[in-house]
Amino acid sequence: MPSIADFEAMLAAGRDNALLRFSLGNEYLKQGDAAKAAAHLSRAVEHDPKYSAAWKLLGRALTDIEAWPDALAAYRQGIAVAEARGDKQAAKEMTVFARRIEAALINKPLELKSGD
C-alpha cells in the first residue's frame, strides 16, 4: 500500500489527478490531519467535479476541522453529483451528514462528529 510519502512523490513528479488527490486526502484523514486532507480533496473535486466519493470525504474532512458551512456545501454538491450518477447509497449517506450539520447550525453549539 502506498504511503503519504509515495503519493506526495507522485504529485511532485507531476502526476496530479483526481485519484491521486483523493488518495492523499484519504491518507491524511486517516492520520488525523483533516486540514491537509481537505486541501487535497478540494483539488480532487476540481480535477473531477463528478467524483462523489471525493465530495463525501471532503465533507468529512471539513466537518473534522469544523468548517461547517464549507462542509455543508461539499455534502450538498456531493449529493447532487451522486444523485446524477445514480449512486443512491452515497447520496443517502451525505444527506444524513448534511442534515446533522443543518440541525446543529440552527441549534448550536456545534458538537458534530463526521460519520464513517
PDB file of N, CA and C in Angstrom:
ATOM      1  N   MET A   1       0.845  -1.184   0.000  1.00  0.00           N
ATOM      2  CA  MET A   1       0.000   0.000   0.000  1.00  0.00           C
ATOM      3  C   MET A   1       0.888   1.244   0.000  1.00  0.00           C
ATOM      4  N   PRO A   2       0.646   2.139  -0.941  1.00  0.00           N
ATOM      5  CA  PRO A   2       1.468   3.354  -0.979  1.00  0.00           C
ATOM      6  C   PRO A   2       1.248   4.224   0.261  1.00  0.00           C
ATOM      7  N   SER A   3       2.303   4.906   0.648  1.00  0.00           N
ATOM      8  CA  SER A   3       2.254   5.785   1.813  1.00  0.00           C
ATOM      9  C   SER A   3       2.038   7.230   1.360  1.00  0.00           C
ATOM     10  N   ILE A   4       1.826   8.096   2.333  1.00  0.00           N
ATOM     11  CA  ILE A   4       1.708   9.521   2.020  1.00  0.00           C
ATOM     12  C   ILE A   4       2.947   9.982   1.262  1.00  0.00           C
ATOM     13  N   ALA A   5       4.120   9.535   1.701  1.00  0.00           N
ATOM     14  CA  ALA A   5       5.365   9.934   1.034  1.00  0.00           C
ATOM     15  C   ALA A   5       5.367   9.490  -0.428  1.00  0.00           C
ATOM     16  N   ASP A   6       4.871   8.278  -0.688  1.00  0.00           N
ATOM     17  CA  ASP A   6       4.799   7.783  -2.066  1.00  0.00           C
ATOM     18  C   ASP A   6       3.856   8.647  -2.904  1.00  0.00           C
ATOM     19  N   PHE A   7       2.681   8.953  -2.329  1.00  0.00           N
ATOM     20  CA  PHE A   7       1.713   9.783  -3.046  1.00  0.00           C
ATOM     21  C   PHE A   7       2.261  11.183  -3.285  1.00  0.00           C
ATOM     22  N   GLU A   8       2.915  11.753  -2.263  1.00  0.00           N
ATOM     23  CA  GLU A   8       3.494  13.088  -2.411  1.00  0.00           C
ATOM     24  C   GLU A   8       4.583  13.091  -3.485  1.00  0.00           C
ATOM     25  N   ALA A   9       5.360  11.999  -3.565  1.00  0.00           N
ATOM     26  CA  ALA A   9       6.398  11.890  -4.596  1.00  0.00           C
ATOM     27  C   ALA A   9       5.767  11.857  -5.989  1.00  0.00           C
ATOM     28  N   MET A  10       4.654  11.146  -6.133  1.00  0.00           N
ATOM     29  CA  MET A  10       3.945  11.115  -7.420  1.00  0.00           C
ATOM     30  C   MET A  10       3.449  12.507  -7.785  1.00  0.00           C
ATOM     31  N   LEU A  11       2.941  13.210  -6.798  1.00  0.00           N
ATOM     32  CA  LEU A  11       2.444  14.568  -7.027  1.00  0.00           C
ATOM     33  C   LEU A  11       3.592  15.485  -7.444  1.00  0.00           C
ATOM     34  N   ALA A  12       4.716  15.371  -6.744  1.00  0.00           N
ATOM     35  CA  ALA A  12       5.892  16.187  -7.065  1.00  0.00           C
ATOM     36  C   ALA A  12       6.425  15.876  -8.460  1.00  0.00           C
ATOM     37  N   ALA A  13       6.207  14.647  -8.907  1.00  0.00           N
ATOM     38  CA  ALA A  13       6.669  14.244 -10.238  1.00  0.00           C
ATOM     39  C   ALA A  13       5.706  14.695 -11.340  1.00  0.00           C
ATOM     40  N   GLY A  14       4.638  15.376 -10.939  1.00  0.00           N
ATOM     41  CA  GLY A  14       3.726  15.914 -11.939  1.00  0.00           C
ATOM     42  C   GLY A  14       2.520  15.052 -12.247  1.00  0.00           C
ATOM     43  N   ARG A  15       2.290  14.031 -11.472  1.00  0.00           N
ATOM     44  CA  ARG A  15       1.149  13.134 -11.715  1.00  0.00           C
ATOM     45  C   ARG A  15      -0.070  13.595 -10.934  1.00  0.00           C
ATOM     46  N   ASP A  16      -0.474  14.830 -11.129  1.00  0.00           N
ATOM     47  CA  ASP A  16      -1.593  15.414 -10.401  1.00  0.00           C
ATOM     48  C   ASP A  16      -2.913  15.053 -11.084  1.00  0.00           C
ATOM     49  N   ASN A  17      -3.754  14.316 -10.367  1.00  0.00           N
ATOM     50  CA  ASN A  17      -5.072  13.952 -10.898  1.00  0.00           C
ATOM     51  C   ASN A  17      -6.032  13.703  -9.738  1.00  0.00           C
ATOM     52  N   ALA A  18      -7.283  13.498 -10.071  1.00  0.00           N
ATOM     53  CA  ALA A  18      -8.318  13.354  -9.044  1.00  0.00           C
ATOM     54  C   ALA A  18      -8.051  12.154  -8.133  1.00  0.00           C
ATOM     55  N   LEU A  19      -7.682  11.030  -8.697  1.00  0.00           N
ATOM     56  CA  LEU A  19      -7.462   9.834  -7.878  1.00  0.00           C
ATOM     57  C   LEU A  19      -6.284  10.014  -6.923  1.00  0.00           C
ATOM     58  N   LEU A  20      -5.206  10.616  -7.402  1.00  0.00           N
ATOM     59  CA  LEU A  20      -4.050  10.847  -6.537  1.00  0.00           C
ATOM     60  C   LEU A  20      -4.422  11.795  -5.398  1.00  0.00           C
ATOM     61  N   ARG A  21      -5.136  12.868  -5.719  1.00  0.00           N
ATOM     62  CA  ARG A  21      -5.541  13.819  -4.680  1.00  0.00           C
ATOM     63  C   ARG A  21      -6.518  13.171  -3.692  1.00  0.00           C
ATOM     64  N   PHE A  22      -7.429  12.326  -4.196  1.00  0.00           N
ATOM     65  CA  PHE A  22      -8.347  11.603  -3.319  1.00  0.00           C
ATOM     66  C   PHE A  22      -7.557  10.693  -2.375  1.00  0.00           C
ATOM     67  N   SER A  23      -6.592   9.975  -2.936  1.00  0.00           N
ATOM     68  CA  SER A  23      -5.778   9.055  -2.138  1.00  0.00           C
ATOM     69  C   SER A  23      -4.995   9.797  -1.068  1.00  0.00           C
ATOM     70  N   LEU A  24      -4.411  10.940  -1.432  1.00  0.00           N
ATOM     71  CA  LEU A  24      -3.695  11.748  -0.449  1.00  0.00           C
ATOM     72  C   LEU A  24      -4.643  12.248   0.638  1.00  0.00           C
ATOM     73  N   GLY A  25      -5.795  12.747   0.225  1.00  0.00           N
ATOM     74  CA  GLY A  25      -6.769  13.232   1.196  1.00  0.00           C
ATOM     75  C   GLY A  25      -7.198  12.132   2.154  1.00  0.00           C
ATOM     76  N   ASN A  26      -7.446  10.973   1.618  1.00  0.00           N
ATOM     77  CA  ASN A  26      -7.859   9.833   2.431  1.00  0.00           C
ATOM     78  C   ASN A  26      -6.773   9.462   3.438  1.00  0.00           C
ATOM     79  N   GLU A  27      -5.533   9.422   2.990  1.00  0.00           N
ATOM     80  CA  GLU A  27      -4.436   9.052   3.886  1.00  0.00           C
ATOM     81  C   GLU A  27      -4.214  10.114   4.965  1.00  0.00           C
ATOM     82  N   TYR A  28      -4.281  11.392   4.584  1.00  0.00           N
ATOM     83  CA  TYR A  28      -4.131  12.445   5.598  1.00  0.00           C
ATOM     84  C   TYR A  28      -5.270  12.384   6.612  1.00  0.00           C
ATOM     85  N   LEU A  29      -6.466  12.073   6.150  1.00  0.00           N
ATOM     86  CA  LEU A  29      -7.592  11.951   7.074  1.00  0.00           C
ATOM     87  C   LEU A  29      -7.367  10.801   8.049  1.00  0.00           C
ATOM     88  N   LYS A  30      -6.856   9.688   7.552  1.00  0.00           N
ATOM     89  CA  LYS A  30      -6.544   8.545   8.418  1.00  0.00           C
ATOM     90  C   LYS A  30      -5.500   8.912   9.466  1.00  0.00           C
ATOM     91  N   GLN A  31      -4.573   9.804   9.095  1.00  0.00           N
ATOM     92  CA  GLN A  31      -3.510  10.227  10.005  1.00  0.00           C
ATOM     93  C   GLN A  31      -3.970  11.328  10.958  1.00  0.00           C
ATOM     94  N   GLY A  32      -5.205  11.800  10.785  1.00  0.00           N
ATOM     95  CA  GLY A  32      -5.727  12.821  11.681  1.00  0.00           C
ATOM     96  C   GLY A  32      -5.439  14.250  11.247  1.00  0.00           C
ATOM     97  N   ASP A  33      -4.958  14.433  10.018  1.00  0.00           N
ATOM     98  CA  ASP A  33      -4.667  15.774   9.522  1.00  0.00           C
ATOM     99  C   ASP A  33      -5.768  16.188   8.545  1.00  0.00           C
ATOM    100  N   ALA A  34      -6.897  16.586   9.119  1.00  0.00           N
ATOM    101  CA  ALA A  34      -8.065  16.913   8.301  1.00  0.00           C
ATOM    102  C   ALA A  34      -7.852  18.149   7.445  1.00  0.00           C
ATOM    103  N   ALA A  35      -7.030  19.085   7.892  1.00  0.00           N
ATOM    104  CA  ALA A  35      -6.781  20.293   7.100  1.00  0.00           C
ATOM    105  C   ALA A  35      -6.049  19.950   5.804  1.00  0.00           C
ATOM    106  N   LYS A  36      -5.003  19.139   5.896  1.00  0.00           N
ATOM    107  CA  LYS A  36      -4.288  18.729   4.682  1.00  0.00           C
ATOM    108  C   LYS A  36      -5.198  17.862   3.812  1.00  0.00           C
ATOM    109  N   ALA A  37      -5.987  17.015   4.452  1.00  0.00           N
ATOM    110  CA  ALA A  37      -6.925  16.169   3.712  1.00  0.00           C
ATOM    111  C   ALA A  37      -7.883  17.036   2.917  1.00  0.00           C
ATOM    112  N   ALA A  38      -8.441  18.053   3.557  1.00  0.00           N
ATOM    113  CA  ALA A  38      -9.404  18.937   2.886  1.00  0.00           C
ATOM    114  C   ALA A  38      -8.764  19.635   1.694  1.00  0.00           C
ATOM    115  N   ALA A  39      -7.519  20.057   1.836  1.00  0.00           N
ATOM    116  CA  ALA A  39      -6.834  20.730   0.729  1.00  0.00           C
ATOM    117  C   ALA A  39      -6.707  19.793  -0.478  1.00  0.00           C
ATOM    118  N   HIS A  40      -6.299  18.557  -0.237  1.00  0.00           N
ATOM    119  CA  HIS A  40      -6.145  17.607  -1.343  1.00  0.00           C
ATOM    120  C   HIS A  40      -7.497  17.195  -1.921  1.00  0.00           C
ATOM    121  N   LEU A  41      -8.473  17.018  -1.070  1.00  0.00           N
ATOM    122  CA  LEU A  41      -9.795  16.616  -1.557  1.00  0.00           C
ATOM    123  C   LEU A  41     -10.461  17.740  -2.353  1.00  0.00           C
ATOM    124  N   SER A  42     -10.198  18.978  -1.966  1.00  0.00           N
ATOM    125  CA  SER A  42     -10.701  20.107  -2.751  1.00  0.00           C
ATOM    126  C   SER A  42     -10.113  20.070  -4.163  1.00  0.00           C
ATOM    127  N   ARG A  43      -8.841  19.743  -4.241  1.00  0.00           N
ATOM    128  CA  ARG A  43      -8.204  19.628  -5.560  1.00  0.00           C
ATOM    129  C   ARG A  43      -8.760  18.431  -6.337  1.00  0.00           C
ATOM    130  N   ALA A  44      -9.077  17.357  -5.634  1.00  0.00           N
ATOM    131  CA  ALA A  44      -9.651  16.180  -6.304  1.00  0.00           C
ATOM    132  C   ALA A  44     -10.954  16.540  -7.005  1.00  0.00           C
ATOM    133  N   VAL A  45     -11.821  17.289  -6.330  1.00  0.00           N
ATOM    134  CA  VAL A  45     -13.105  17.641  -6.950  1.00  0.00           C
ATOM    135  C   VAL A  45     -12.952  18.743  -7.994  1.00  0.00           C
ATOM    136  N   GLU A  46     -11.856  19.503  -7.924  1.00  0.00           N
ATOM    137  CA  GLU A  46     -11.559  20.442  -9.014  1.00  0.00           C
ATOM    138  C   GLU A  46     -11.194  19.657 -10.272  1.00  0.00           C
ATOM    139  N   HIS A  47     -10.384  18.613 -10.096  1.00  0.00           N
ATOM    140  CA  HIS A  47     -10.000  17.769 -11.230  1.00  0.00           C
ATOM    141  C   HIS A  47     -11.204  17.028 -11.809  1.00  0.00           C
ATOM    142  N   ASP A  48     -12.066  16.516 -10.930  1.00  0.00           N
ATOM    143  CA  ASP A  48     -13.230  15.734 -11.370  1.00  0.00           C
ATOM    144  C   ASP A  48     -14.439  16.108 -10.512  1.00  0.00           C
ATOM    145  N   PRO A  49     -15.210  17.108 -10.962  1.00  0.00           N
ATOM    146  CA  PRO A  49     -16.369  17.553 -10.192  1.00  0.00           C
ATOM    147  C   PRO A  49     -17.462  16.486 -10.029  1.00  0.00           C
ATOM    148  N   LYS A  50     -17.353  15.380 -10.741  1.00  0.00           N
ATOM    149  CA  LYS A  50     -18.354  14.314 -10.649  1.00  0.00           C
ATOM    150  C   LYS A  50     -17.885  13.138  -9.792  1.00  0.00           C
ATOM    151  N   TYR A  51     -16.866  13.350  -8.989  1.00  0.00           N
ATOM    152  CA  TYR A  51     -16.262  12.315  -8.147  1.00  0.00           C
ATOM    153  C   TYR A  51     -16.981  12.329  -6.793  1.00  0.00           C
ATOM    154  N   SER A  52     -18.093  11.603  -6.701  1.00  0.00           N
ATOM    155  CA  SER A  52     -18.926  11.664  -5.495  1.00  0.00           C
ATOM    156  C   SER A  52     -18.198  11.205  -4.239  1.00  0.00           C
ATOM    157  N   ALA A  53     -17.331  10.214  -4.345  1.00  0.00           N
ATOM    158  CA  ALA A  53     -16.588   9.754  -3.166  1.00  0.00           C
ATOM    159  C   ALA A  53     -15.671  10.857  -2.639  1.00  0.00           C
ATOM    160  N   ALA A  54     -15.110  11.651  -3.537  1.00  0.00           N
ATOM    161  CA  ALA A  54     -14.245  12.756  -3.109  1.00  0.00           C
ATOM    162  C   ALA A  54     -15.066  13.842  -2.419  1.00  0.00           C
ATOM    163  N   TRP A  55     -16.265  14.113  -2.926  1.00  0.00           N
ATOM    164  CA  TRP A  55     -17.140  15.094  -2.267  1.00  0.00           C
ATOM    165  C   TRP A  55     -17.490  14.633  -0.855  1.00  0.00           C
ATOM    166  N   LYS A  56     -17.789  13.353  -0.716  1.00  0.00           N
ATOM    167  CA  LYS A  56     -18.154  12.805   0.595  1.00  0.00           C
ATOM    168  C   LYS A  56     -16.984  12.929   1.574  1.00  0.00           C
ATOM    169  N   LEU A  57     -15.794  12.563   1.137  1.00  0.00           N
ATOM    170  CA  LEU A  57     -14.632  12.640   2.013  1.00  0.00           C
ATOM    171  C   LEU A  57     -14.263  14.094   2.304  1.00  0.00           C
ATOM    172  N   LEU A  58     -14.448  14.976   1.316  1.00  0.00           N
ATOM    173  CA  LEU A  58     -14.205  16.404   1.541  1.00  0.00           C
ATOM    174  C   LEU A  58     -15.146  16.929   2.621  1.00  0.00           C
ATOM    175  N   GLY A  59     -16.414  16.552   2.549  1.00  0.00           N
ATOM    176  CA  GLY A  59     -17.358  16.958   3.580  1.00  0.00           C
ATOM    177  C   GLY A  59     -16.921  16.483   4.952  1.00  0.00           C
ATOM    178  N   ARG A  60     -16.436  15.266   5.027  1.00  0.00           N
ATOM    179  CA  ARG A  60     -15.968  14.721   6.307  1.00  0.00           C
ATOM    180  C   ARG A  60     -14.759  15.489   6.822  1.00  0.00           C
ATOM    181  N   ALA A  61     -13.797  15.765   5.937  1.00  0.00           N
ATOM    182  CA  ALA A  61     -12.593  16.494   6.358  1.00  0.00           C
ATOM    183  C   ALA A  61     -12.958  17.892   6.848  1.00  0.00           C
ATOM    184  N   LEU A  62     -13.845  18.554   6.123  1.00  0.00           N
ATOM    185  CA  LEU A  62     -14.272  19.897   6.523  1.00  0.00           C
ATOM    186  C   LEU A  62     -15.054  19.870   7.830  1.00  0.00           C
ATOM    187  N   THR A  63     -15.817  18.810   8.047  1.00  0.00           N
ATOM    188  CA  THR A  63     -16.522  18.645   9.320  1.00  0.00           C
ATOM    189  C   THR A  63     -15.502  18.472  10.448  1.00  0.00           C
ATOM    190  N   ASP A  64     -14.474  17.684  10.193  1.00  0.00           N
ATOM    191  CA  ASP A  64     -13.456  17.439  11.218  1.00  0.00           C
ATOM    192  C   ASP A  64     -12.726  18.716  11.625  1.00  0.00           C
ATOM    193  N   ILE A  65     -12.580  19.676  10.701  1.00  0.00           N
ATOM    194  CA  ILE A  65     -11.917  20.935  11.060  1.00  0.00           C
ATOM    195  C   ILE A  65     -12.945  22.011  11.427  1.00  0.00           C
ATOM    196  N   GLU A  66     -14.196  21.580  11.553  1.00  0.00           N
ATOM    197  CA  GLU A  66     -15.302  22.437  11.985  1.00  0.00           C
ATOM    198  C   GLU A  66     -15.552  23.616  11.040  1.00  0.00           C
ATOM    199  N   ALA A  67     -15.322  23.378   9.752  1.00  0.00           N
ATOM    200  CA  ALA A  67     -15.647  24.371   8.719  1.00  0.00           C
ATOM    201  C   ALA A  67     -17.070  24.058   8.253  1.00  0.00           C
ATOM    202  N   TRP A  68     -18.022  24.309   9.141  1.00  0.00           N
ATOM    203  CA  TRP A  68     -19.403  23.865   8.952  1.00  0.00           C
ATOM    204  C   TRP A  68     -20.041  24.314   7.635  1.00  0.00           C
ATOM    205  N   PRO A  69     -20.015  25.593   7.282  1.00  0.00           N
ATOM    206  CA  PRO A  69     -20.658  25.997   6.020  1.00  0.00           C
ATOM    207  C   PRO A  69     -20.015  25.327   4.799  1.00  0.00           C
ATOM    208  N   ASP A  70     -18.689  25.205   4.825  1.00  0.00           N
ATOM    209  CA  ASP A  70     -17.996  24.559   3.713  1.00  0.00           C
ATOM    210  C   ASP A  70     -18.312  23.064   3.656  1.00  0.00           C
ATOM    211  N   ALA A  71     -18.383  22.436   4.823  1.00  0.00           N
ATOM    212  CA  ALA A  71     -18.732  21.009   4.869  1.00  0.00           C
ATOM    213  C   ALA A  71     -20.137  20.794   4.327  1.00  0.00           C
ATOM    214  N   LEU A  72     -21.055  21.646   4.734  1.00  0.00           N
ATOM    215  CA  LEU A  72     -22.427  21.537   4.254  1.00  0.00           C
ATOM    216  C   LEU A  72     -22.484  21.727   2.744  1.00  0.00           C
ATOM    217  N   ALA A  73     -21.743  22.705   2.235  1.00  0.00           N
ATOM    218  CA  ALA A  73     -21.709  22.946   0.782  1.00  0.00           C
ATOM    219  C   ALA A  73     -21.123  21.742   0.047  1.00  0.00           C
ATOM    220  N   ALA A  74     -20.064  21.139   0.608  1.00  0.00           N
ATOM    221  CA  ALA A  74     -19.456  19.960  -0.022  1.00  0.00           C
ATOM    222  C   ALA A  74     -20.444  18.797  -0.054  1.00  0.00           C
ATOM    223  N   TYR A  75     -21.126  18.577   1.061  1.00  0.00           N
ATOM    224  CA  TYR A  75     -22.109  17.491   1.088  1.00  0.00           C
ATOM    225  C   TYR A  75     -23.239  17.759   0.097  1.00  0.00           C
ATOM    226  N   ARG A  76     -23.713  18.973   0.028  1.00  0.00           N
ATOM    227  CA  ARG A  76     -24.797  19.284  -0.911  1.00  0.00           C
ATOM    228  C   ARG A  76     -24.361  19.057  -2.351  1.00  0.00           C
ATOM    229  N   GLN A  77     -23.151  19.479  -2.687  1.00  0.00           N
ATOM    230  CA  GLN A  77     -22.641  19.251  -4.044  1.00  0.00           C
ATOM    231  C   GLN A  77     -22.472  17.753  -4.280  1.00  0.00           C
ATOM    232  N   GLY A  78     -21.967  17.063  -3.273  1.00  0.00           N
ATOM    233  CA  GLY A  78     -21.781  15.616  -3.392  1.00  0.00           C
ATOM    234  C   GLY A  78     -23.094  14.881  -3.580  1.00  0.00           C
ATOM    235  N   ILE A  79     -24.130  15.326  -2.889  1.00  0.00           N
ATOM    236  CA  ILE A  79     -25.457  14.718  -3.040  1.00  0.00           C
ATOM    237  C   ILE A  79     -25.948  14.890  -4.473  1.00  0.00           C
ATOM    238  N   ALA A  80     -25.804  16.098  -5.003  1.00  0.00           N
ATOM    239  CA  ALA A  80     -26.237  16.363  -6.376  1.00  0.00           C
ATOM    240  C   ALA A  80     -25.477  15.488  -7.372  1.00  0.00           C
ATOM    241  N   VAL A  81     -24.179  15.377  -7.177  1.00  0.00           N
ATOM    242  CA  VAL A  81     -23.353  14.553  -8.069  1.00  0.00           C
ATOM    243  C   VAL A  81     -23.746  13.083  -7.950  1.00  0.00           C
ATOM    244  N   ALA A  82     -23.881  12.597  -6.724  1.00  0.00           N
ATOM    245  CA  ALA A  82     -24.222  11.183  -6.508  1.00  0.00           C
ATOM    246  C   ALA A  82     -25.591  10.856  -7.111  1.00  0.00           C
ATOM    247  N   GLU A  83     -26.564  11.746  -6.896  1.00  0.00           N
ATOM    248  CA  GLU A  83     -27.895  11.508  -7.463  1.00  0.00           C
ATOM    249  C   GLU A  83     -27.856  11.488  -8.986  1.00  0.00           C
ATOM    250  N   ALA A  84     -27.090  12.399  -9.575  1.00  0.00           N
ATOM    251  CA  ALA A  84     -26.978  12.442 -11.040  1.00  0.00           C
ATOM    252  C   ALA A  84     -26.328  11.182 -11.590  1.00  0.00           C
ATOM    253  N   ARG A  85     -25.449  10.587 -10.814  1.00  0.00           N
ATOM    254  CA  ARG A  85     -24.749   9.368 -11.248  1.00  0.00           C
ATOM    255  C   ARG A  85     -25.486   8.095 -10.850  1.00  0.00           C
ATOM    256  N   GLY A  86     -26.574   8.235 -10.105  1.00  0.00           N
ATOM    257  CA  GLY A  86     -27.324   7.064  -9.668  1.00  0.00           C
ATOM    258  C   GLY A  86     -26.710   6.358  -8.476  1.00  0.00           C
ATOM    259  N   ASP A  87     -25.813   7.034  -7.775  1.00  0.00           N
ATOM    260  CA  ASP A  87     -25.155   6.456  -6.603  1.00  0.00           C
ATOM    261  C   ASP A  87     -26.010   6.764  -5.374  1.00  0.00           C
ATOM    262  N   LYS A  88     -27.049   5.979  -5.206  1.00  0.00           N
ATOM    263  CA  LYS A  88     -28.044   6.250  -4.163  1.00  0.00           C
ATOM    264  C   LYS A  88     -27.483   6.128  -2.752  1.00  0.00           C
ATOM    265  N   GLN A  89     -26.613   5.170  -2.527  1.00  0.00           N
ATOM    266  CA  GLN A  89     -26.060   4.984  -1.182  1.00  0.00           C
ATOM    267  C   GLN A  89     -25.226   6.189  -0.765  1.00  0.00           C
ATOM    268  N   ALA A  90     -24.359   6.655  -1.642  1.00  0.00           N
ATOM    269  CA  ALA A  90     -23.527   7.821  -1.310  1.00  0.00           C
ATOM    270  C   ALA A  90     -24.405   9.041  -1.065  1.00  0.00           C
ATOM    271  N   ALA A  91     -25.422   9.234  -1.891  1.00  0.00           N
ATOM    272  CA  ALA A  91     -26.334  10.372  -1.714  1.00  0.00           C
ATOM    273  C   ALA A  91     -27.041  10.280  -0.364  1.00  0.00           C
ATOM    274  N   LYS A  92     -27.464   9.079  -0.021  1.00  0.00           N
ATOM    275  CA  LYS A  92     -28.163   8.869   1.254  1.00  0.00           C
ATOM    276  C   LYS A  92     -27.255   9.194   2.441  1.00  0.00           C
ATOM    277  N   GLU A  93     -26.018   8.699   2.401  1.00  0.00           N
ATOM    278  CA  GLU A  93     -25.074   8.946   3.491  1.00  0.00           C
ATOM    279  C   GLU A  93     -24.782  10.440   3.628  1.00  0.00           C
ATOM    280  N   MET A  94     -24.515  11.102   2.510  1.00  0.00           N
ATOM    281  CA  MET A  94     -24.206  12.529   2.574  1.00  0.00           C
ATOM    282  C   MET A  94     -25.409  13.351   3.029  1.00  0.00           C
ATOM    283  N   THR A  95     -26.607  12.897   2.704  1.00  0.00           N
ATOM    284  CA  THR A  95     -27.817  13.582   3.165  1.00  0.00           C
ATOM    285  C   THR A  95     -27.904  13.536   4.682  1.00  0.00           C
ATOM    286  N   VAL A  96     -27.586  12.395   5.264  1.00  0.00           N
ATOM    287  CA  VAL A  96     -27.596  12.258   6.723  1.00  0.00           C
ATOM    288  C   VAL A  96     -26.595  13.229   7.344  1.00  0.00           C
ATOM    289  N   PHE A  97     -25.377  13.276   6.801  1.00  0.00           N
ATOM    290  CA  PHE A  97     -24.349  14.156   7.349  1.00  0.00           C
ATOM    291  C   PHE A  97     -24.741  15.621   7.186  1.00  0.00           C
ATOM    292  N   ALA A  98     -25.304  15.967   6.031  1.00  0.00           N
ATOM    293  CA  ALA A  98     -25.719  17.353   5.783  1.00  0.00           C
ATOM    294  C   ALA A  98     -26.824  17.765   6.748  1.00  0.00           C
ATOM    295  N   ARG A  99     -27.758  16.878   6.991  1.00  0.00           N
ATOM    296  CA  ARG A  99     -28.854  17.196   7.921  1.00  0.00           C
ATOM    297  C   ARG A  99     -28.345  17.418   9.339  1.00  0.00           C
ATOM    298  N   ARG A 100     -27.347  16.655   9.741  1.00  0.00           N
ATOM    299  CA  ARG A 100     -26.757  16.859  11.075  1.00  0.00           C
ATOM    300  C   ARG A 100     -26.153  18.254  11.182  1.00  0.00           C
ATOM    301  N   ILE A 101     -25.453  18.659  10.144  1.00  0.00           N
ATOM    302  CA  ILE A 101     -24.840  19.991  10.159  1.00  0.00           C
ATOM    303  C   ILE A 101     -25.923  21.063  10.152  1.00  0.00           C
ATOM    304  N   GLU A 102     -26.928  20.895   9.305  1.00  0.00           N
ATOM    305  CA  GLU A 102     -28.018  21.878   9.245  1.00  0.00           C
ATOM    306  C   GLU A 102     -28.694  22.020  10.601  1.00  0.00           C
ATOM    307  N   ALA A 103     -28.969  20.916  11.246  1.00  0.00           N
ATOM    308  CA  ALA A 103     -29.620  20.951  12.556  1.00  0.00           C
ATOM    309  C   ALA A 103     -28.731  21.635  13.587  1.00  0.00           C
ATOM    310  N   ALA A 104     -27.459  21.324  13.551  1.00  0.00           N
ATOM    311  CA  ALA A 104     -26.540  21.928  14.507  1.00  0.00           C
ATOM    312  C   ALA A 104     -26.376  23.421  14.254  1.00  0.00           C
ATOM    313  N   LEU A 105     -26.365  23.828  12.989  1.00  0.00           N
ATOM    314  CA  LEU A 105     -26.240  25.249  12.683  1.00  0.00           C
ATOM    315  C   LEU A 105     -27.444  26.030  13.207  1.00  0.00           C
ATOM    316  N   ILE A 106     -28.595  25.381  13.211  1.00  0.00           N
ATOM    317  CA  ILE A 106     -29.806  26.023  13.727  1.00  0.00           C
ATOM    318  C   ILE A 106     -29.793  26.034  15.247  1.00  0.00           C
ATOM    319  N   ASN A 107     -29.389  24.918  15.845  1.00  0.00           N
ATOM    320  CA  ASN A 107     -29.498  24.746  17.292  1.00  0.00           C
ATOM    321  C   ASN A 107     -28.282  25.173  18.091  1.00  0.00           C
ATOM    322  N   LYS A 108     -27.110  25.155  17.509  1.00  0.00           N
ATOM    323  CA  LYS A 108     -25.865  25.487  18.209  1.00  0.00           C
ATOM    324  C   LYS A 108     -25.898  25.005  19.652  1.00  0.00           C
ATOM    325  N   PRO A 109     -24.837  24.746  20.331  1.00  0.00           N
ATOM    326  CA  PRO A 109     -23.480  24.779  19.846  1.00  0.00           C
ATOM    327  C   PRO A 109     -23.184  23.606  18.921  1.00  0.00           C
ATOM    328  N   LEU A 110     -22.185  23.769  18.099  1.00  0.00           N
ATOM    329  CA  LEU A 110     -21.838  22.738  17.134  1.00  0.00           C
ATOM    330  C   LEU A 110     -20.981  21.679  17.796  1.00  0.00           C
ATOM    331  N   GLU A 111     -21.585  20.559  18.016  1.00  0.00           N
ATOM    332  CA  GLU A 111     -20.853  19.417  18.549  1.00  0.00           C
ATOM    333  C   GLU A 111     -21.153  18.249  17.643  1.00  0.00           C
ATOM    334  N   LEU A 112     -20.552  18.310  16.469  1.00  0.00           N
ATOM    335  CA  LEU A 112     -20.804  17.315  15.448  1.00  0.00           C
ATOM    336  C   LEU A 112     -19.605  16.394  15.305  1.00  0.00           C
ATOM    337  N   LYS A 113     -19.895  15.218  14.863  1.00  0.00           N
ATOM    338  CA  LYS A 113     -18.846  14.287  14.502  1.00  0.00           C
ATOM    339  C   LYS A 113     -19.129  13.821  13.095  1.00  0.00           C
ATOM    340  N   SER A 114     -18.067  13.687  12.314  1.00  0.00           N
ATOM    341  CA  SER A 114     -18.274  13.172  10.964  1.00  0.00           C
ATOM    342  C   SER A 114     -18.546  11.689  11.059  1.00  0.00           C
ATOM    343  N   GLY A 115     -19.339  11.200  10.150  1.00  0.00           N
ATOM    344  CA  GLY A 115     -19.670   9.775  10.151  1.00  0.00           C
ATOM    345  C   GLY A 115     -18.723   8.981   9.293  1.00  0.00           C
ATOM    346  N   ASP A 116     -18.705   7.727   9.538  1.00  0.00           N
ATOM    347  CA  ASP A 116     -17.896   6.832   8.697  1.00  0.00           C
ATOM    348  C   ASP A 116     -18.822   5.968   7.894  1.00  0.00           C
TER     349      ASP A 116
END
